[in-house]
Amino acid sequence: MGNLYLVDRPFGENGLNLAAEDTDAKIVLIQDGVHFDCGSVAGIETYAIRRDAERRGQAGRLPAFVELIDYGQLVDLIAAHKVINFA
């Protein structure tokens, strides 16, 4: 079981920094978290909620390594990992 970081504002920068040091991390950008510059976590499996990214005009602006997922996929990730919440 790995660690799943749910990242939103205002504490999301802290979450990204911790995830960058966690060799077992996966990151999900939620709500306003889709605005973060996530270049520092380029080597980490990173997702963004499609609906959140689309509503905030970020769907086409996220780095290529960020995979857009829906809420059903988020539930699957939450069920399979220890959740660390920065939302």
PDB file of N, CA and C in Angstrom:
ATOM      1  N   MET A   1       0.848  -1.168   0.000  1.00  0.00           N
ATOM      2  CA  MET A   1       0.000   0.000   0.000  1.00  0.00           C
ATOM      3  C   MET A   1       0.899   1.239   0.000  1.00  0.00           C
ATOM      4  N   GLY A   2       0.722   2.094  -0.980  1.00  0.00           N
ATOM      5  CA  GLY A   2       1.482   3.336  -1.060  1.00  0.00           C
ATOM      6  C   GLY A   2       0.721   4.487  -0.436  1.00  0.00           C
ATOM      7  N   ASN A   3       1.300   5.653  -0.528  1.00  0.00           N
ATOM      8  CA  ASN A   3       0.697   6.863   0.009  1.00  0.00           C
ATOM      9  C   ASN A   3       0.083   7.684  -1.119  1.00  0.00           C
ATOM     10  N   LEU A   4      -1.139   8.112  -0.916  1.00  0.00           N
ATOM     11  CA  LEU A   4      -1.862   8.922  -1.896  1.00  0.00           C
ATOM     12  C   LEU A   4      -2.038  10.319  -1.319  1.00  0.00           C
ATOM     13  N   TYR A   5      -1.427  11.294  -1.966  1.00  0.00           N
ATOM     14  CA  TYR A   5      -1.496  12.679  -1.513  1.00  0.00           C
ATOM     15  C   TYR A   5      -2.605  13.390  -2.276  1.00  0.00           C
ATOM     16  N   LEU A   6      -3.628  13.855  -1.563  1.00  0.00           N
ATOM     17  CA  LEU A   6      -4.684  14.665  -2.155  1.00  0.00           C
ATOM     18  C   LEU A   6      -4.278  16.115  -1.957  1.00  0.00           C
ATOM     19  N   VAL A   7      -4.089  16.831  -3.056  1.00  0.00           N
ATOM     20  CA  VAL A   7      -3.484  18.157  -3.001  1.00  0.00           C
ATOM     21  C   VAL A   7      -4.440  19.225  -3.522  1.00  0.00           C
ATOM     22  N   ASP A   8      -4.733  20.202  -2.667  1.00  0.00           N
ATOM     23  CA  ASP A   8      -5.566  21.355  -2.989  1.00  0.00           C
ATOM     24  C   ASP A   8      -4.929  22.567  -2.316  1.00  0.00           C
ATOM     25  N   ARG A   9      -5.482  23.723  -2.530  1.00  0.00           N
ATOM     26  CA  ARG A   9      -5.015  24.932  -1.844  1.00  0.00           C
ATOM     27  C   ARG A   9      -5.682  25.005  -0.482  1.00  0.00           C
ATOM     28  N   PRO A  10      -5.159  25.619   0.519  1.00  0.00           N
ATOM     29  CA  PRO A  10      -3.960  26.444   0.534  1.00  0.00           C
ATOM     30  C   PRO A  10      -2.702  25.695   0.953  1.00  0.00           C
ATOM     31  N   PHE A  11      -2.801  24.434   1.383  1.00  0.00           N
ATOM     32  CA  PHE A  11      -1.623  23.732   1.902  1.00  0.00           C
ATOM     33  C   PHE A  11      -1.011  22.758   0.914  1.00  0.00           C
ATOM     34  N   GLY A  12      -1.401  22.841  -0.333  1.00  0.00           N
ATOM     35  CA  GLY A  12      -0.936  21.902  -1.334  1.00  0.00           C
ATOM     36  C   GLY A  12       0.545  21.943  -1.610  1.00  0.00           C
ATOM     37  N   GLU A  13       1.165  23.117  -1.513  1.00  0.00           N
ATOM     38  CA  GLU A  13       2.617  23.199  -1.715  1.00  0.00           C
ATOM     39  C   GLU A  13       3.336  22.303  -0.719  1.00  0.00           C
ATOM     40  N   ASN A  14       2.860  22.290   0.526  1.00  0.00           N
ATOM     41  CA  ASN A  14       3.445  21.402   1.539  1.00  0.00           C
ATOM     42  C   ASN A  14       3.282  19.945   1.124  1.00  0.00           C
ATOM     43  N   GLY A  15       2.110  19.605   0.614  1.00  0.00           N
ATOM     44  CA  GLY A  15       1.859  18.239   0.168  1.00  0.00           C
ATOM     45  C   GLY A  15       2.770  17.831  -0.973  1.00  0.00           C
ATOM     46  N   LEU A  16       2.956  18.720  -1.940  1.00  0.00           N
ATOM     47  CA  LEU A  16       3.848  18.416  -3.068  1.00  0.00           C
ATOM     48  C   LEU A  16       5.287  18.236  -2.583  1.00  0.00           C
ATOM     49  N   ASN A  17       5.720  19.077  -1.651  1.00  0.00           N
ATOM     50  CA  ASN A  17       7.083  18.961  -1.116  1.00  0.00           C
ATOM     51  C   ASN A  17       7.283  17.641  -0.385  1.00  0.00           C
ATOM     52  N   LEU A  18       6.309  17.237   0.416  1.00  0.00           N
ATOM     53  CA  LEU A  18       6.411  15.955   1.121  1.00  0.00           C
ATOM     54  C   LEU A  18       6.365  14.781   0.146  1.00  0.00           C
ATOM     55  N   ALA A  19       5.490  14.865  -0.835  1.00  0.00           N
ATOM     56  CA  ALA A  19       5.385  13.783  -1.818  1.00  0.00           C
ATOM     57  C   ALA A  19       6.682  13.631  -2.606  1.00  0.00           C
ATOM     58  N   ALA A  20       7.359  14.744  -2.883  1.00  0.00           N
ATOM     59  CA  ALA A  20       8.624  14.690  -3.622  1.00  0.00           C
ATOM     60  C   ALA A  20       9.685  13.890  -2.867  1.00  0.00           C
ATOM     61  N   GLU A  21       9.564  13.820  -1.542  1.00  0.00           N
ATOM     62  CA  GLU A  21      10.513  13.076  -0.705  1.00  0.00           C
ATOM     63  C   GLU A  21      10.050  11.656  -0.404  1.00  0.00           C
ATOM     64  N   ASP A  22       8.859  11.298  -0.814  1.00  0.00           N
ATOM     65  CA  ASP A  22       8.247  10.000  -0.501  1.00  0.00           C
ATOM     66  C   ASP A  22       8.402   9.069  -1.702  1.00  0.00           C
ATOM     67  N   THR A  23       9.192   8.028  -1.543  1.00  0.00           N
ATOM     68  CA  THR A  23       9.433   7.105  -2.648  1.00  0.00           C
ATOM     69  C   THR A  23       8.219   6.249  -2.993  1.00  0.00           C
ATOM     70  N   ASP A  24       7.199   6.296  -2.150  1.00  0.00           N
ATOM     71  CA  ASP A  24       6.004   5.475  -2.344  1.00  0.00           C
ATOM     72  C   ASP A  24       4.769   6.337  -2.624  1.00  0.00           C
ATOM     73  N   ALA A  25       4.981   7.544  -3.145  1.00  0.00           N
ATOM     74  CA  ALA A  25       3.893   8.514  -3.294  1.00  0.00           C
ATOM     75  C   ALA A  25       3.186   8.423  -4.636  1.00  0.00           C
ATOM     76  N   LYS A  26       1.909   8.755  -4.587  1.00  0.00           N
ATOM     77  CA  LYS A  26       1.094   9.067  -5.749  1.00  0.00           C
ATOM     78  C   LYS A  26       0.364  10.347  -5.372  1.00  0.00           C
ATOM     79  N   ILE A  27       0.123  11.204  -6.354  1.00  0.00           N
ATOM     80  CA  ILE A  27      -0.470  12.514  -6.089  1.00  0.00           C
ATOM     81  C   ILE A  27      -1.740  12.665  -6.897  1.00  0.00           C
ATOM     82  N   VAL A  28      -2.768  13.246  -6.275  1.00  0.00           N
ATOM     83  CA  VAL A  28      -3.981  13.626  -7.002  1.00  0.00           C
ATOM     84  C   VAL A  28      -4.219  15.114  -6.746  1.00  0.00           C
ATOM     85  N   LEU A  29      -4.233  15.889  -7.822  1.00  0.00           N
ATOM     86  CA  LEU A  29      -4.547  17.316  -7.744  1.00  0.00           C
ATOM     87  C   LEU A  29      -6.059  17.445  -7.792  1.00  0.00           C
ATOM     88  N   ILE A  30      -6.627  18.053  -6.760  1.00  0.00           N
ATOM     89  CA  ILE A  30      -8.079  18.202  -6.689  1.00  0.00           C
ATOM     90  C   ILE A  30      -8.442  19.681  -6.574  1.00  0.00           C
ATOM     91  N   GLN A  31      -9.604  20.026  -7.029  1.00  0.00           N
ATOM     92  CA  GLN A  31     -10.147  21.381  -6.962  1.00  0.00           C
ATOM     93  C   GLN A  31      -9.105  22.388  -7.438  1.00  0.00           C
ATOM     94  N   ASP A  32      -8.761  23.400  -6.624  1.00  0.00           N
ATOM     95  CA  ASP A  32      -7.805  24.421  -7.048  1.00  0.00           C
ATOM     96  C   ASP A  32      -6.366  23.918  -7.077  1.00  0.00           C
ATOM     97  N   GLY A  33      -6.135  22.707  -6.629  1.00  0.00           N
ATOM     98  CA  GLY A  33      -4.807  22.112  -6.706  1.00  0.00           C
ATOM     99  C   GLY A  33      -4.323  21.936  -8.137  1.00  0.00           C
ATOM    100  N   VAL A  34      -5.237  21.955  -9.096  1.00  0.00           N
ATOM    101  CA  VAL A  34      -4.847  21.813 -10.503  1.00  0.00           C
ATOM    102  C   VAL A  34      -4.042  23.015 -10.988  1.00  0.00           C
ATOM    103  N   HIS A  35      -3.999  24.102 -10.218  1.00  0.00           N
ATOM    104  CA  HIS A  35      -3.230  25.290 -10.589  1.00  0.00           C
ATOM    105  C   HIS A  35      -1.763  25.204 -10.174  1.00  0.00           C
ATOM    106  N   PHE A  36      -1.405  24.247  -9.335  1.00  0.00           N
ATOM    107  CA  PHE A  36      -0.026  24.159  -8.855  1.00  0.00           C
ATOM    108  C   PHE A  36       0.941  23.820  -9.975  1.00  0.00           C
ATOM    109  N   ASP A  37       2.146  24.376  -9.869  1.00  0.00           N
ATOM    110  CA  ASP A  37       3.248  23.982 -10.736  1.00  0.00           C
ATOM    111  C   ASP A  37       3.802  22.686 -10.153  1.00  0.00           C
ATOM    112  N   CYS A  38       3.604  21.591 -10.839  1.00  0.00           N
ATOM    113  CA  CYS A  38       4.010  20.302 -10.277  1.00  0.00           C
ATOM    114  C   CYS A  38       5.278  19.756 -10.932  1.00  0.00           C
ATOM    115  N   GLY A  39       6.100  20.645 -11.463  1.00  0.00           N
ATOM    116  CA  GLY A  39       7.363  20.221 -12.058  1.00  0.00           C
ATOM    117  C   GLY A  39       8.288  19.523 -11.082  1.00  0.00           C
ATOM    118  N   SER A  40       8.183  19.864  -9.804  1.00  0.00           N
ATOM    119  CA  SER A  40       9.057  19.259  -8.796  1.00  0.00           C
ATOM    120  C   SER A  40       8.726  17.802  -8.521  1.00  0.00           C
ATOM    121  N   VAL A  41       7.586  17.339  -8.994  1.00  0.00           N
ATOM    122  CA  VAL A  41       7.176  15.947  -8.759  1.00  0.00           C
ATOM    123  C   VAL A  41       7.048  15.177 -10.075  1.00  0.00           C
ATOM    124  N   ALA A  42       7.798  15.598 -11.082  1.00  0.00           N
ATOM    125  CA  ALA A  42       7.693  15.003 -12.413  1.00  0.00           C
ATOM    126  C   ALA A  42       7.936  13.498 -12.427  1.00  0.00           C
ATOM    127  N   GLY A  43       8.702  12.976 -11.505  1.00  0.00           N
ATOM    128  CA  GLY A  43       8.969  11.541 -11.483  1.00  0.00           C
ATOM    129  C   GLY A  43       7.956  10.736 -10.693  1.00  0.00           C
ATOM    130  N   ILE A  44       6.939  11.399 -10.171  1.00  0.00           N
ATOM    131  CA  ILE A  44       5.949  10.739  -9.325  1.00  0.00           C
ATOM    132  C   ILE A  44       4.643  10.583 -10.092  1.00  0.00           C
ATOM    133  N   GLU A  45       4.003   9.452  -9.923  1.00  0.00           N
ATOM    134  CA  GLU A  45       2.703   9.209 -10.557  1.00  0.00           C
ATOM    135  C   GLU A  45       1.721  10.278 -10.074  1.00  0.00           C
ATOM    136  N   THR A  46       1.263  11.109 -11.009  1.00  0.00           N
ATOM    137  CA  THR A  46       0.435  12.262 -10.652  1.00  0.00           C
ATOM    138  C   THR A  46      -0.832  12.275 -11.486  1.00  0.00           C
ATOM    139  N   TYR A  47      -1.931  12.555 -10.811  1.00  0.00           N
ATOM    140  CA  TYR A  47      -3.242  12.611 -11.449  1.00  0.00           C
ATOM    141  C   TYR A  47      -3.899  13.952 -11.148  1.00  0.00           C
ATOM    142  N   ALA A  48      -4.875  14.306 -11.950  1.00  0.00           N
ATOM    143  CA  ALA A  48      -5.723  15.464 -11.674  1.00  0.00           C
ATOM    144  C   ALA A  48      -7.156  15.067 -11.991  1.00  0.00           C
ATOM    145  N   ILE A  49      -8.074  15.571 -11.186  1.00  0.00           N
ATOM    146  CA  ILE A  49      -9.490  15.303 -11.442  1.00  0.00           C
ATOM    147  C   ILE A  49      -9.896  16.072 -12.693  1.00  0.00           C
ATOM    148  N   ARG A  50     -10.328  15.333 -13.708  1.00  0.00           N
ATOM    149  CA  ARG A  50     -10.675  15.923 -15.003  1.00  0.00           C
ATOM    150  C   ARG A  50     -11.679  17.076 -14.854  1.00  0.00           C
ATOM    151  N   ARG A  51     -12.733  16.842 -14.108  1.00  0.00           N
ATOM    152  CA  ARG A  51     -13.782  17.849 -13.960  1.00  0.00           C
ATOM    153  C   ARG A  51     -13.228  19.135 -13.335  1.00  0.00           C
ATOM    154  N   ASP A  52     -12.361  18.994 -12.323  1.00  0.00           N
ATOM    155  CA  ASP A  52     -11.761  20.162 -11.685  1.00  0.00           C
ATOM    156  C   ASP A  52     -10.856  20.912 -12.663  1.00  0.00           C
ATOM    157  N   ALA A  53     -10.056  20.168 -13.423  1.00  0.00           N
ATOM    158  CA  ALA A  53      -9.148  20.798 -14.393  1.00  0.00           C
ATOM    159  C   ALA A  53      -9.932  21.503 -15.499  1.00  0.00           C
ATOM    160  N   GLU A  54     -10.980  20.879 -15.986  1.00  0.00           N
ATOM    161  CA  GLU A  54     -11.778  21.482 -17.055  1.00  0.00           C
ATOM    162  C   GLU A  54     -12.476  22.750 -16.568  1.00  0.00           C
ATOM    163  N   ARG A  55     -13.054  22.713 -15.391  1.00  0.00           N
ATOM    164  CA  ARG A  55     -13.772  23.879 -14.851  1.00  0.00           C
ATOM    165  C   ARG A  55     -12.847  25.064 -14.590  1.00  0.00           C
ATOM    166  N   ARG A  56     -11.575  24.791 -14.373  1.00  0.00           N
ATOM    167  CA  ARG A  56     -10.628  25.851 -14.069  1.00  0.00           C
ATOM    168  C   ARG A  56      -9.744  26.189 -15.269  1.00  0.00           C
ATOM    169  N   GLY A  57     -10.079  25.650 -16.435  1.00  0.00           N
ATOM    170  CA  GLY A  57      -9.335  25.947 -17.651  1.00  0.00           C
ATOM    171  C   GLY A  57      -7.929  25.387 -17.683  1.00  0.00           C
ATOM    172  N   GLN A  58      -7.684  24.317 -16.941  1.00  0.00           N
ATOM    173  CA  GLN A  58      -6.339  23.754 -16.841  1.00  0.00           C
ATOM    174  C   GLN A  58      -6.174  22.416 -17.559  1.00  0.00           C
ATOM    175  N   ALA A  59      -7.222  21.871 -18.116  1.00  0.00           N
ATOM    176  CA  ALA A  59      -7.148  20.519 -18.701  1.00  0.00           C
ATOM    177  C   ALA A  59      -6.060  20.412 -19.764  1.00  0.00           C
ATOM    178  N   GLY A  60      -5.909  21.398 -20.604  1.00  0.00           N
ATOM    179  CA  GLY A  60      -4.893  21.357 -21.646  1.00  0.00           C
ATOM    180  C   GLY A  60      -3.573  21.976 -21.240  1.00  0.00           C
ATOM    181  N   ARG A  61      -3.487  22.481 -20.029  1.00  0.00           N
ATOM    182  CA  ARG A  61      -2.288  23.174 -19.560  1.00  0.00           C
ATOM    183  C   ARG A  61      -1.443  22.362 -18.589  1.00  0.00           C
ATOM    184  N   LEU A  62      -1.959  21.255 -18.122  1.00  0.00           N
ATOM    185  CA  LEU A  62      -1.211  20.429 -17.184  1.00  0.00           C
ATOM    186  C   LEU A  62      -0.061  19.728 -17.899  1.00  0.00           C
ATOM    187  N   PRO A  63       1.037  19.460 -17.187  1.00  0.00           N
ATOM    188  CA  PRO A  63       2.148  18.741 -17.798  1.00  0.00           C
ATOM    189  C   PRO A  63       1.705  17.371 -18.333  1.00  0.00           C
ATOM    190  N   ALA A  64       2.409  16.874 -19.318  1.00  0.00           N
ATOM    191  CA  ALA A  64       2.046  15.607 -19.962  1.00  0.00           C
ATOM    192  C   ALA A  64       2.041  14.430 -18.986  1.00  0.00           C
ATOM    193  N   PHE A  65       2.837  14.495 -17.923  1.00  0.00           N
ATOM    194  CA  PHE A  65       2.895  13.367 -16.991  1.00  0.00           C
ATOM    195  C   PHE A  65       1.695  13.322 -16.041  1.00  0.00           C
ATOM    196  N   VAL A  66       0.861  14.357 -16.034  1.00  0.00           N
ATOM    197  CA  VAL A  66      -0.324  14.381 -15.171  1.00  0.00           C
ATOM    198  C   VAL A  66      -1.488  13.745 -15.920  1.00  0.00           C
ATOM    199  N   GLU A  67      -1.999  12.662 -15.369  1.00  0.00           N
ATOM    200  CA  GLU A  67      -3.107  11.932 -15.997  1.00  0.00           C
ATOM    201  C   GLU A  67      -4.441  12.434 -15.451  1.00  0.00           C
ATOM    202  N   LEU A  68      -5.350  12.759 -16.351  1.00  0.00           N
ATOM    203  CA  LEU A  68      -6.688  13.185 -15.935  1.00  0.00           C
ATOM    204  C   LEU A  68      -7.530  11.956 -15.600  1.00  0.00           C
ATOM    205  N   ILE A  69      -8.203  12.005 -14.436  1.00  0.00           N
ATOM    206  CA  ILE A  69      -9.035  10.889 -13.996  1.00  0.00           C
ATOM    207  C   ILE A  69     -10.399  11.419 -13.563  1.00  0.00           C
ATOM    208  N   ASP A  70     -11.355  10.508 -13.457  1.00  0.00           N
ATOM    209  CA  ASP A  70     -12.685  10.900 -12.982  1.00  0.00           C
ATOM    210  C   ASP A  70     -12.819  10.512 -11.508  1.00  0.00           C
ATOM    211  N   TYR A  71     -13.969  10.843 -10.923  1.00  0.00           N
ATOM    212  CA  TYR A  71     -14.165  10.585  -9.496  1.00  0.00           C
ATOM    213  C   TYR A  71     -14.190   9.088  -9.169  1.00  0.00           C
ATOM    214  N   GLY A  72     -14.672   8.267 -10.075  1.00  0.00           N
ATOM    215  CA  GLY A  72     -14.659   6.819  -9.846  1.00  0.00           C
ATOM    216  C   GLY A  72     -13.240   6.295  -9.716  1.00  0.00           C
ATOM    217  N   GLN A  73     -12.348   6.785 -10.560  1.00  0.00           N
ATOM    218  CA  GLN A  73     -10.943   6.382 -10.473  1.00  0.00           C
ATOM    219  C   GLN A  73     -10.307   6.892  -9.179  1.00  0.00           C
ATOM    220  N   LEU A  74     -10.715   8.082  -8.732  1.00  0.00           N
ATOM    221  CA  LEU A  74     -10.218   8.608  -7.463  1.00  0.00           C
ATOM    222  C   LEU A  74     -10.630   7.685  -6.321  1.00  0.00           C
ATOM    223  N   VAL A  75     -11.865   7.242  -6.318  1.00  0.00           N
ATOM    224  CA  VAL A  75     -12.339   6.335  -5.268  1.00  0.00           C
ATOM    225  C   VAL A  75     -11.499   5.058  -5.265  1.00  0.00           C
ATOM    226  N   ASP A  76     -11.189   4.526  -6.437  1.00  0.00           N
ATOM    227  CA  ASP A  76     -10.353   3.320  -6.510  1.00  0.00           C
ATOM    228  C   ASP A  76      -8.970   3.570  -5.912  1.00  0.00           C
ATOM    229  N   LEU A  77      -8.382   4.730  -6.216  1.00  0.00           N
ATOM    230  CA  LEU A  77      -7.069   5.066  -5.659  1.00  0.00           C
ATOM    231  C   LEU A  77      -7.135   5.203  -4.142  1.00  0.00           C
ATOM    232  N   ILE A  78      -8.179   5.862  -3.652  1.00  0.00           N
ATOM    233  CA  ILE A  78      -8.338   6.040  -2.207  1.00  0.00           C
ATOM    234  C   ILE A  78      -8.479   4.686  -1.508  1.00  0.00           C
ATOM    235  N   ALA A  79      -9.219   3.774  -2.119  1.00  0.00           N
ATOM    236  CA  ALA A  79      -9.424   2.450  -1.521  1.00  0.00           C
ATOM    237  C   ALA A  79      -8.138   1.630  -1.469  1.00  0.00           C
ATOM    238  N   ALA A  80      -7.203   1.913  -2.379  1.00  0.00           N
ATOM    239  CA  ALA A  80      -6.000   1.100  -2.486  1.00  0.00           C
ATOM    240  C   ALA A  80      -4.772   1.700  -1.792  1.00  0.00           C
ATOM    241  N   HIS A  81      -4.895   2.903  -1.221  1.00  0.00           N
ATOM    242  CA  HIS A  81      -3.730   3.582  -0.663  1.00  0.00           C
ATOM    243  C   HIS A  81      -4.041   4.226   0.691  1.00  0.00           C
ATOM    244  N   LYS A  82      -2.994   4.537   1.405  1.00  0.00           N
ATOM    245  CA  LYS A  82      -3.100   5.367   2.606  1.00  0.00           C
ATOM    246  C   LYS A  82      -3.222   6.807   2.124  1.00  0.00           C
ATOM    247  N   VAL A  83      -4.234   7.514   2.568  1.00  0.00           N
ATOM    248  CA  VAL A  83      -4.504   8.877   2.098  1.00  0.00           C
ATOM    249  C   VAL A  83      -3.864   9.893   3.040  1.00  0.00           C
ATOM    250  N   ILE A  84      -3.136  10.817   2.427  1.00  0.00           N
ATOM    251  CA  ILE A  84      -2.560  11.959   3.140  1.00  0.00           C
ATOM    252  C   ILE A  84      -3.184  13.184   2.501  1.00  0.00           C
ATOM    253  N   ASN A  85      -3.981  13.888   3.269  1.00  0.00           N
ATOM    254  CA  ASN A  85      -4.846  14.947   2.730  1.00  0.00           C
ATOM    255  C   ASN A  85      -4.266  16.332   2.940  1.00  0.00           C
ATOM    256  N   PHE A  86      -4.057  17.057   1.839  1.00  0.00           N
ATOM    257  CA  PHE A  86      -3.658  18.450   1.867  1.00  0.00           C
ATOM    258  C   PHE A  86      -4.698  19.272   1.160  1.00  0.00           C
ATOM    259  N   ALA A  87      -5.951  19.046   1.506  1.00  0.00           N
ATOM    260  CA  ALA A  87      -7.069  19.744   0.869  1.00  0.00           C
ATOM    261  C   ALA A  87      -7.776  20.626   1.860  1.00  0.00           C
TER     262      ALA A  87
END
